[in-house]
Amino acid sequence: MGSALVVFATRTGNTKAIASLIAEGIRFTGNQAKVVDIADIKKPEDLEGHDALVLGSPTYHGEMIQTMKTMLFLAEKANLEGKVGAAFGAFGWSGEGLERVYDTMKNVFKMDMVGDPLRLKDPNLGGGIKMAQDYGRSVGEKMEKKSG
């Protein structure tokens, strides 16, 4: 059984709700998942000790929010290479902020990324709950493949 850390930044609560649903999906695969507010990440070591890292940020005005940008600089000092990674977020119009989170995890941190980032306007719209849980399942399944 593996362990995933799901870190979210939020302004309206949508990204937090998505984080919880992704964690449920990870747990459906028999793995553990811990959901943490980005404000609780103070040092690189706070991101270590897990088999997977899932980062979530909303997109505002085409960008991830500042707290996520700051956390990515901190994460660069953590030992994340080769670990399972995934990115998600809520957005109003575009959602490209989380594309940058995903690309940073893949290209800078050298993480083993799951599919594409998950983009949802609201977890309660258009099958969002199932989509978020399924995304979590794909994280859990990738964790299982790496450990097995």
Protein backbone atom coordinates (compact mmCIF):
# COMPACT_ATOMS: atom_id res chain seq x y z
CA MET A 1 0.00 0.00 0.00
CA GLY A 2 1.42 3.34 -1.08
CA SER A 3 0.95 6.85 0.19
CA ALA A 4 -0.03 9.97 -1.75
CA LEU A 5 0.09 13.60 -0.65
CA VAL A 6 -2.58 15.83 -2.21
CA VAL A 7 -1.72 19.52 -1.77
CA PHE A 8 -4.21 22.21 -2.77
CA ALA A 9 -4.38 25.98 -3.00
CA THR A 10 -7.86 27.50 -3.14
CA ARG A 11 -9.76 30.76 -2.96
CA THR A 12 -13.37 29.67 -3.26
CA GLY A 13 -13.19 26.08 -2.00
CA ASN A 14 -13.61 24.33 -5.37
CA THR A 15 -9.98 23.17 -5.56
CA LYS A 16 -10.19 21.87 -1.98
CA ALA A 17 -13.32 19.88 -2.87
CA ILE A 18 -11.57 18.41 -5.94
CA ALA A 19 -8.56 17.49 -3.77
CA SER A 20 -10.81 15.52 -1.41
CA LEU A 21 -12.44 13.66 -4.29
CA ILE A 22 -9.06 12.79 -5.83
CA ALA A 23 -7.94 11.47 -2.43
CA GLU A 24 -11.08 9.28 -2.32
CA GLY A 25 -10.17 7.85 -5.72
CA ILE A 26 -6.64 7.09 -4.53
CA ARG A 27 -8.08 5.33 -1.47
CA PHE A 28 -10.40 3.28 -3.72
CA THR A 29 -7.23 1.57 -5.03
CA GLY A 30 -6.15 0.58 -1.52
CA ASN A 31 -3.56 3.33 -1.15
CA GLN A 32 -3.42 6.02 1.50
CA ALA A 33 -4.00 9.68 0.65
CA LYS A 34 -3.44 12.74 2.81
CA VAL A 35 -5.03 16.06 1.80
CA VAL A 36 -3.10 19.17 2.89
CA ASP A 37 -3.71 22.90 2.48
CA ILE A 38 -0.76 24.56 0.76
CA ALA A 39 -0.41 26.89 3.78
CA ASP A 40 0.74 23.86 5.80
CA ILE A 41 3.72 23.22 3.50
CA LYS A 42 6.60 25.13 5.09
CA LYS A 43 9.73 23.25 3.96
CA PRO A 44 10.76 20.77 1.22
CA GLU A 45 10.65 17.88 3.68
CA ASP A 46 6.90 18.42 4.09
CA LEU A 47 6.52 17.05 0.53
CA GLU A 48 8.69 13.97 1.03
CA GLY A 49 7.91 10.53 2.42
CA HIS A 50 5.12 9.73 -0.04
CA ASP A 51 5.00 7.65 -3.22
CA ALA A 52 2.96 10.26 -5.08
CA LEU A 53 2.45 14.01 -5.03
CA VAL A 54 -0.71 15.59 -6.43
CA LEU A 55 -0.81 19.39 -6.67
CA GLY A 56 -3.93 21.50 -7.19
CA SER A 57 -4.28 25.17 -7.99
CA PRO A 58 -7.08 27.28 -9.38
CA THR A 59 -6.39 29.44 -12.43
CA TYR A 60 -6.99 33.17 -12.08
CA HIS A 61 -6.34 35.50 -15.00
CA GLY A 62 -4.49 32.74 -16.85
CA GLU A 63 -2.11 31.93 -13.97
CA MET A 64 -1.83 29.60 -11.00
CA ILE A 65 -2.26 31.50 -7.75
CA GLN A 66 0.81 32.97 -6.05
CA THR A 67 0.88 30.51 -3.17
CA MET A 68 1.32 27.66 -5.66
CA LYS A 69 4.12 29.51 -7.48
CA THR A 70 5.92 29.98 -4.17
CA MET A 71 5.39 26.35 -3.19
CA LEU A 72 6.82 25.12 -6.53
CA PHE A 73 10.11 26.88 -5.76
CA LEU A 74 10.15 25.15 -2.39
CA ALA A 75 9.26 21.80 -4.01
CA GLU A 76 12.24 22.09 -6.31
CA LYS A 77 14.40 21.37 -3.25
CA ALA A 78 12.44 18.21 -2.32
CA ASN A 79 13.44 14.77 -3.53
CA LEU A 80 10.59 14.15 -6.01
CA GLU A 81 12.38 12.68 -9.04
CA GLY A 82 10.72 9.49 -10.28
CA LYS A 83 7.75 9.72 -7.93
CA VAL A 84 4.20 9.58 -9.28
CA GLY A 85 2.84 13.05 -9.94
CA ALA A 86 -0.45 14.62 -10.96
CA ALA A 87 -1.93 18.12 -11.18
CA PHE A 88 -5.48 19.44 -11.02
CA GLY A 89 -7.40 22.62 -10.56
CA ALA A 90 -10.55 24.63 -10.79
CA PHE A 91 -10.98 27.42 -13.29
CA GLY A 92 -13.49 29.90 -14.60
CA TRP A 93 -12.43 30.46 -18.20
CA SER A 94 -9.18 28.84 -19.22
CA GLY A 95 -7.36 26.57 -16.78
CA GLU A 96 -3.86 27.06 -18.14
CA GLY A 97 -2.39 27.75 -14.69
CA LEU A 98 -2.49 24.09 -13.78
CA GLU A 99 -0.86 23.19 -17.11
CA ARG A 100 2.18 25.08 -15.81
CA VAL A 101 2.05 23.19 -12.51
CA TYR A 102 1.92 19.89 -14.44
CA ASP A 103 4.78 20.88 -16.76
CA THR A 104 6.94 21.96 -13.81
CA MET A 105 6.36 18.65 -12.07
CA LYS A 106 7.18 16.70 -15.23
CA ASN A 107 10.11 18.69 -16.65
CA VAL A 108 11.74 20.33 -13.62
CA PHE A 109 11.01 17.85 -10.82
CA LYS A 110 11.29 14.85 -13.24
CA MET A 111 8.22 13.16 -11.80
CA ASP A 112 6.39 10.23 -13.42
CA MET A 113 3.18 12.05 -14.32
CA VAL A 114 -0.33 10.63 -14.64
CA GLY A 115 -2.03 11.35 -17.98
CA ASP A 116 -2.99 15.00 -18.30
CA PRO A 117 -3.91 17.55 -15.64
CA LEU A 118 -7.50 17.40 -14.41
CA ARG A 119 -9.38 20.62 -15.15
CA LEU A 120 -12.79 21.17 -13.56
CA LYS A 121 -14.88 24.32 -13.29
CA ASP A 122 -16.72 22.93 -10.29
CA PRO A 123 -16.68 19.39 -8.91
CA ASN A 124 -20.48 19.39 -8.72
CA LEU A 125 -21.05 20.10 -12.42
CA GLY A 126 -21.19 17.71 -15.37
CA GLY A 127 -19.90 14.56 -13.73
CA GLY A 128 -17.07 16.35 -11.91
CA ILE A 129 -17.28 14.14 -8.83
CA LYS A 130 -16.71 10.96 -10.85
CA MET A 131 -14.02 12.62 -12.97
CA ALA A 132 -12.07 13.66 -9.87
CA GLN A 133 -12.44 10.22 -8.26
CA ASP A 134 -11.35 8.54 -11.50
CA TYR A 135 -8.32 10.82 -11.67
CA GLY A 136 -7.44 9.73 -8.15
CA ARG A 137 -7.88 6.10 -9.18
CA SER A 138 -5.41 6.63 -12.02
CA VAL A 139 -2.89 8.04 -9.51
CA GLY A 140 -3.40 5.01 -7.26
CA GLU A 141 -3.10 2.57 -10.17
CA LYS A 142 0.16 4.19 -11.32
CA MET A 143 1.47 3.92 -7.75
CA GLU A 144 0.60 0.20 -7.77
CA LYS A 145 2.42 -0.38 -11.09
CA LYS A 146 5.56 1.33 -9.80
CA SER A 147 5.62 -0.67 -6.57
CA GLY A 148 4.60 -4.00 -8.06
